[in-house]
Structure formats: structure tokens, C-alpha cells
Amino acid sequence: MATTQDIEALAAQIGENIYMDVAKWHLYLNDAHLHTVVAEKVYPILEDNSLSEDAVTAILQDIPVKLGGGKTEVALNELLPMQCKMTLLDLLEEYQKDL
């Protein structure tokens, strides 16, 4: 079972390394206050060893990002460059090894 510290440690790694690309501007997930949400949603798949690219993509697809003061929403998955998704998978694989 994940502790708050476990989630925060994972969230910190995600927040510092993963960013959204908006008009060629890199918005890191900690700056967008999305790193903890991602960590909370991916942690269960790390615990039950069901980490896969498809599982992570599905999670990212289910995290809405409000734009324009909430006038529109885009799935986080659509805002992450492919390189960031691969970095996220690598980061999660490394983290899972330490569980």
C-alpha cells in the first residue's frame, strides 16, 4: 500500500522530468500541478506489476487538462511529446524496481 511519502517521491520525479509541450513551450507537470495526480493514478499499476505503455497511455488519456480558464479540456496524453512519454515509462520502470 502506497504511503503519502511514496506518492510524493514519485510525484517529485514526475514533476521534474515530464512536461507538456504547448506552442513549443515546456510546461513541467510540477508547475502545472499535475505531477501528484499522475503519481496517484500510476502507483497502483506499479504495485501490481501491470506497468505497460498501454496502461500508462490510458491513465494519461483519463487526466483532463483545462485550457483557456476551463473553456476547453484536453487529455494530458495529447499534450505530452512522445519523448516525455518514453521518459515517463523509463522513470516508472526504475521506480518500480525499488518497490
N, C-alpha and C. Protein backbone atom coordinates (compact mmCIF):
# COMPACT_ATOMS: atom_id res chain seq x y z
N MET A 1 0.85 -1.19 0.00
CA MET A 1 0.00 0.00 0.00
C MET A 1 0.89 1.25 0.00
N ALA A 2 0.56 2.16 -0.86
CA ALA A 2 1.36 3.37 -1.01
C ALA A 2 1.15 4.31 0.16
N THR A 3 2.25 4.86 0.65
CA THR A 3 2.15 5.89 1.68
C THR A 3 2.17 7.25 0.99
N THR A 4 1.83 8.27 1.74
CA THR A 4 1.89 9.63 1.20
C THR A 4 3.31 9.94 0.74
N GLN A 5 4.29 9.49 1.50
CA GLN A 5 5.69 9.73 1.13
C GLN A 5 6.05 9.05 -0.19
N ASP A 6 5.54 7.83 -0.39
CA ASP A 6 5.81 7.11 -1.64
C ASP A 6 5.25 7.89 -2.84
N ILE A 7 4.01 8.32 -2.70
CA ILE A 7 3.35 9.09 -3.77
C ILE A 7 4.11 10.40 -4.02
N GLU A 8 4.48 11.09 -2.94
CA GLU A 8 5.20 12.37 -3.08
C GLU A 8 6.56 12.19 -3.74
N ALA A 9 7.26 11.12 -3.42
CA ALA A 9 8.57 10.86 -4.03
C ALA A 9 8.42 10.60 -5.52
N LEU A 10 7.44 9.79 -5.88
CA LEU A 10 7.19 9.52 -7.29
C LEU A 10 6.72 10.81 -7.99
N ALA A 11 5.83 11.55 -7.36
CA ALA A 11 5.33 12.80 -7.94
C ALA A 11 6.47 13.78 -8.20
N ALA A 12 7.42 13.86 -7.27
CA ALA A 12 8.55 14.78 -7.44
C ALA A 12 9.36 14.41 -8.68
N GLN A 13 9.61 13.12 -8.87
CA GLN A 13 10.36 12.68 -10.05
C GLN A 13 9.60 12.99 -11.33
N ILE A 14 8.30 12.73 -11.32
CA ILE A 14 7.47 13.00 -12.49
C ILE A 14 7.46 14.51 -12.78
N GLY A 15 7.22 15.29 -11.74
CA GLY A 15 7.11 16.74 -11.91
C GLY A 15 8.35 17.41 -12.45
N GLU A 16 9.51 16.89 -12.10
CA GLU A 16 10.77 17.50 -12.52
C GLU A 16 11.22 17.05 -13.90
N ASN A 17 10.70 15.93 -14.38
CA ASN A 17 11.21 15.33 -15.62
C ASN A 17 10.22 15.31 -16.78
N ILE A 18 8.94 15.43 -16.50
CA ILE A 18 7.93 15.28 -17.54
C ILE A 18 7.24 16.62 -17.78
N TYR A 19 7.09 16.97 -19.05
CA TYR A 19 6.47 18.26 -19.37
C TYR A 19 5.46 18.12 -20.50
N MET A 20 4.56 19.08 -20.54
CA MET A 20 3.63 19.23 -21.65
C MET A 20 4.27 20.20 -22.63
N ASP A 21 4.01 20.01 -23.89
CA ASP A 21 4.50 20.92 -24.92
C ASP A 21 3.32 21.74 -25.42
N VAL A 22 3.31 23.02 -25.09
CA VAL A 22 2.24 23.92 -25.51
C VAL A 22 2.87 25.04 -26.33
N ALA A 23 2.61 25.03 -27.64
CA ALA A 23 3.19 26.03 -28.54
C ALA A 23 4.71 26.11 -28.38
N LYS A 24 5.35 24.95 -28.31
CA LYS A 24 6.80 24.81 -28.16
C LYS A 24 7.31 25.34 -26.82
N TRP A 25 6.40 25.50 -25.88
CA TRP A 25 6.75 25.93 -24.53
C TRP A 25 6.64 24.72 -23.63
N HIS A 26 7.67 24.42 -22.86
CA HIS A 26 7.67 23.25 -22.00
C HIS A 26 7.13 23.60 -20.62
N LEU A 27 5.98 23.07 -20.31
CA LEU A 27 5.35 23.27 -19.01
C LEU A 27 5.50 21.98 -18.21
N TYR A 28 6.41 22.00 -17.25
CA TYR A 28 6.65 20.81 -16.44
C TYR A 28 5.44 20.53 -15.56
N LEU A 29 5.21 19.23 -15.33
CA LEU A 29 4.00 18.83 -14.61
C LEU A 29 3.94 19.36 -13.19
N ASN A 30 5.11 19.60 -12.55
CA ASN A 30 5.04 20.19 -11.21
C ASN A 30 4.55 21.63 -11.29
N ASP A 31 4.95 22.36 -12.33
CA ASP A 31 4.48 23.74 -12.50
C ASP A 31 2.99 23.79 -12.83
N ALA A 32 2.51 22.75 -13.51
CA ALA A 32 1.09 22.68 -13.88
C ALA A 32 0.25 22.02 -12.78
N HIS A 33 0.90 21.64 -11.68
CA HIS A 33 0.23 20.98 -10.55
C HIS A 33 -0.49 19.69 -10.98
N LEU A 34 0.15 18.95 -11.87
CA LEU A 34 -0.42 17.68 -12.33
C LEU A 34 0.42 16.47 -11.91
N HIS A 35 1.61 16.72 -11.36
CA HIS A 35 2.52 15.62 -11.03
C HIS A 35 1.95 14.68 -9.97
N THR A 36 1.26 15.21 -8.99
CA THR A 36 0.70 14.37 -7.93
C THR A 36 -0.47 13.54 -8.46
N VAL A 37 -1.28 14.14 -9.31
CA VAL A 37 -2.40 13.41 -9.91
C VAL A 37 -1.88 12.22 -10.71
N VAL A 38 -0.85 12.45 -11.51
CA VAL A 38 -0.27 11.36 -12.30
C VAL A 38 0.29 10.29 -11.38
N ALA A 39 1.03 10.69 -10.37
CA ALA A 39 1.63 9.72 -9.44
C ALA A 39 0.56 8.88 -8.76
N GLU A 40 -0.51 9.52 -8.29
CA GLU A 40 -1.58 8.78 -7.61
C GLU A 40 -2.25 7.78 -8.54
N LYS A 41 -2.38 8.12 -9.81
CA LYS A 41 -3.05 7.23 -10.75
C LYS A 41 -2.16 6.09 -11.25
N VAL A 42 -0.85 6.35 -11.36
CA VAL A 42 0.04 5.29 -11.87
C VAL A 42 0.54 4.36 -10.76
N TYR A 43 0.50 4.81 -9.52
CA TYR A 43 1.07 3.99 -8.44
C TYR A 43 0.45 2.60 -8.35
N PRO A 44 -0.87 2.47 -8.48
CA PRO A 44 -1.45 1.11 -8.40
C PRO A 44 -0.91 0.15 -9.46
N ILE A 45 -0.61 0.63 -10.67
CA ILE A 45 -0.09 -0.30 -11.68
C ILE A 45 1.37 -0.66 -11.40
N LEU A 46 2.06 0.18 -10.63
CA LEU A 46 3.42 -0.18 -10.22
C LEU A 46 3.35 -1.27 -9.15
N GLU A 47 2.41 -1.11 -8.22
CA GLU A 47 2.28 -2.07 -7.12
C GLU A 47 1.86 -3.46 -7.60
N ASP A 48 0.98 -3.51 -8.59
CA ASP A 48 0.52 -4.83 -9.03
C ASP A 48 1.23 -5.33 -10.30
N ASN A 49 2.36 -4.70 -10.60
CA ASN A 49 3.22 -5.12 -11.72
C ASN A 49 2.49 -5.17 -13.06
N SER A 50 1.57 -4.24 -13.28
CA SER A 50 0.87 -4.20 -14.57
C SER A 50 1.30 -2.99 -15.40
N LEU A 51 2.52 -2.51 -15.15
CA LEU A 51 3.07 -1.38 -15.89
C LEU A 51 3.26 -1.76 -17.36
N SER A 52 2.67 -0.96 -18.24
CA SER A 52 2.86 -1.13 -19.67
C SER A 52 2.62 0.22 -20.33
N GLU A 53 3.08 0.35 -21.56
CA GLU A 53 2.87 1.60 -22.28
C GLU A 53 1.37 1.86 -22.44
N ASP A 54 0.61 0.80 -22.74
CA ASP A 54 -0.84 0.96 -22.92
C ASP A 54 -1.52 1.41 -21.63
N ALA A 55 -1.10 0.85 -20.50
CA ALA A 55 -1.70 1.21 -19.22
C ALA A 55 -1.41 2.68 -18.89
N VAL A 56 -0.19 3.11 -19.12
CA VAL A 56 0.18 4.50 -18.84
C VAL A 56 -0.55 5.44 -19.80
N THR A 57 -0.64 5.07 -21.06
CA THR A 57 -1.36 5.89 -22.04
C THR A 57 -2.82 6.04 -21.63
N ALA A 58 -3.44 4.96 -21.19
CA ALA A 58 -4.85 5.02 -20.77
C ALA A 58 -5.02 5.96 -19.57
N ILE A 59 -4.09 5.90 -18.64
CA ILE A 59 -4.14 6.79 -17.47
C ILE A 59 -4.00 8.24 -17.91
N LEU A 60 -3.03 8.51 -18.77
CA LEU A 60 -2.81 9.88 -19.24
C LEU A 60 -4.00 10.39 -20.04
N GLN A 61 -4.67 9.49 -20.74
CA GLN A 61 -5.84 9.87 -21.54
C GLN A 61 -7.00 10.27 -20.63
N ASP A 62 -7.02 9.73 -19.41
CA ASP A 62 -8.11 10.00 -18.46
C ASP A 62 -7.85 11.21 -17.56
N ILE A 63 -6.73 11.89 -17.75
CA ILE A 63 -6.43 13.07 -16.93
C ILE A 63 -6.70 14.32 -17.77
N PRO A 64 -7.79 15.04 -17.46
CA PRO A 64 -8.12 16.23 -18.24
C PRO A 64 -7.27 17.43 -17.83
N VAL A 65 -6.87 18.22 -18.82
CA VAL A 65 -6.14 19.45 -18.57
C VAL A 65 -7.02 20.59 -19.09
N LYS A 66 -7.41 21.46 -18.18
CA LYS A 66 -8.28 22.58 -18.56
C LYS A 66 -7.44 23.68 -19.19
N LEU A 67 -7.93 24.21 -20.29
CA LEU A 67 -7.26 25.28 -21.01
C LEU A 67 -8.22 26.46 -21.17
N GLY A 68 -7.66 27.65 -21.28
CA GLY A 68 -8.48 28.84 -21.50
C GLY A 68 -9.44 29.11 -20.37
N GLY A 69 -8.95 28.95 -19.14
CA GLY A 69 -9.81 29.22 -17.99
C GLY A 69 -10.93 28.22 -17.85
N GLY A 70 -10.71 27.01 -18.39
CA GLY A 70 -11.71 25.96 -18.26
C GLY A 70 -12.67 25.88 -19.43
N LYS A 71 -12.45 26.72 -20.45
CA LYS A 71 -13.36 26.71 -21.61
C LYS A 71 -13.24 25.42 -22.41
N THR A 72 -12.07 24.81 -22.36
CA THR A 72 -11.88 23.56 -23.08
C THR A 72 -10.99 22.63 -22.26
N GLU A 73 -11.08 21.35 -22.55
CA GLU A 73 -10.26 20.35 -21.87
C GLU A 73 -9.57 19.48 -22.92
N VAL A 74 -8.32 19.14 -22.63
CA VAL A 74 -7.55 18.26 -23.48
C VAL A 74 -6.95 17.19 -22.58
N ALA A 75 -6.94 15.95 -23.06
CA ALA A 75 -6.33 14.87 -22.29
C ALA A 75 -4.83 15.12 -22.16
N LEU A 76 -4.29 14.87 -20.97
CA LEU A 76 -2.85 15.04 -20.74
C LEU A 76 -2.05 14.26 -21.77
N ASN A 77 -2.53 13.10 -22.15
CA ASN A 77 -1.85 12.27 -23.15
C ASN A 77 -1.59 13.03 -24.44
N GLU A 78 -2.51 13.90 -24.82
CA GLU A 78 -2.39 14.66 -26.07
C GLU A 78 -1.35 15.78 -25.98
N LEU A 79 -1.00 16.18 -24.77
CA LEU A 79 -0.09 17.31 -24.57
C LEU A 79 1.36 16.90 -24.32
N LEU A 80 1.58 15.61 -24.07
CA LEU A 80 2.94 15.14 -23.80
C LEU A 80 3.61 14.71 -25.10
N PRO A 81 4.80 15.24 -25.40
CA PRO A 81 5.54 14.74 -26.57
C PRO A 81 5.91 13.27 -26.36
N MET A 82 6.10 12.56 -27.45
CA MET A 82 6.43 11.12 -27.37
C MET A 82 7.67 10.89 -26.50
N GLN A 83 8.66 11.77 -26.60
CA GLN A 83 9.88 11.60 -25.80
C GLN A 83 9.56 11.64 -24.31
N CYS A 84 8.63 12.50 -23.91
CA CYS A 84 8.26 12.58 -22.50
C CYS A 84 7.52 11.33 -22.04
N LYS A 85 6.71 10.76 -22.93
CA LYS A 85 6.02 9.52 -22.57
C LYS A 85 7.04 8.40 -22.34
N MET A 86 8.07 8.35 -23.22
CA MET A 86 9.10 7.32 -23.06
C MET A 86 9.91 7.57 -21.78
N THR A 87 10.21 8.82 -21.50
CA THR A 87 10.91 9.17 -20.26
C THR A 87 10.07 8.78 -19.05
N LEU A 88 8.77 9.02 -19.12
CA LEU A 88 7.87 8.64 -18.03
C LEU A 88 7.88 7.14 -17.83
N LEU A 89 7.80 6.37 -18.90
CA LEU A 89 7.84 4.91 -18.78
C LEU A 89 9.14 4.45 -18.16
N ASP A 90 10.26 5.01 -18.60
CA ASP A 90 11.58 4.64 -18.04
C ASP A 90 11.63 4.97 -16.55
N LEU A 91 11.14 6.15 -16.21
CA LEU A 91 11.13 6.61 -14.82
C LEU A 91 10.28 5.65 -13.96
N LEU A 92 9.12 5.26 -14.48
CA LEU A 92 8.23 4.36 -13.73
C LEU A 92 8.85 2.97 -13.59
N GLU A 93 9.52 2.49 -14.63
CA GLU A 93 10.20 1.18 -14.56
C GLU A 93 11.28 1.21 -13.48
N GLU A 94 12.06 2.28 -13.46
CA GLU A 94 13.11 2.41 -12.43
C GLU A 94 12.49 2.46 -11.04
N TYR A 95 11.45 3.24 -10.91
CA TYR A 95 10.80 3.38 -9.60
C TYR A 95 10.24 2.04 -9.13
N GLN A 96 9.66 1.30 -10.06
CA GLN A 96 9.04 0.01 -9.72
C GLN A 96 10.09 -0.97 -9.19
N LYS A 97 11.31 -0.91 -9.70
CA LYS A 97 12.38 -1.79 -9.24
C LYS A 97 12.66 -1.62 -7.76
N ASP A 98 12.44 -0.41 -7.26
CA ASP A 98 12.73 -0.10 -5.85
C ASP A 98 11.58 -0.43 -4.91
N LEU A 99 10.44 -0.85 -5.47
CA LEU A 99 9.29 -1.17 -4.60
C LEU A 99 9.49 -2.49 -3.88
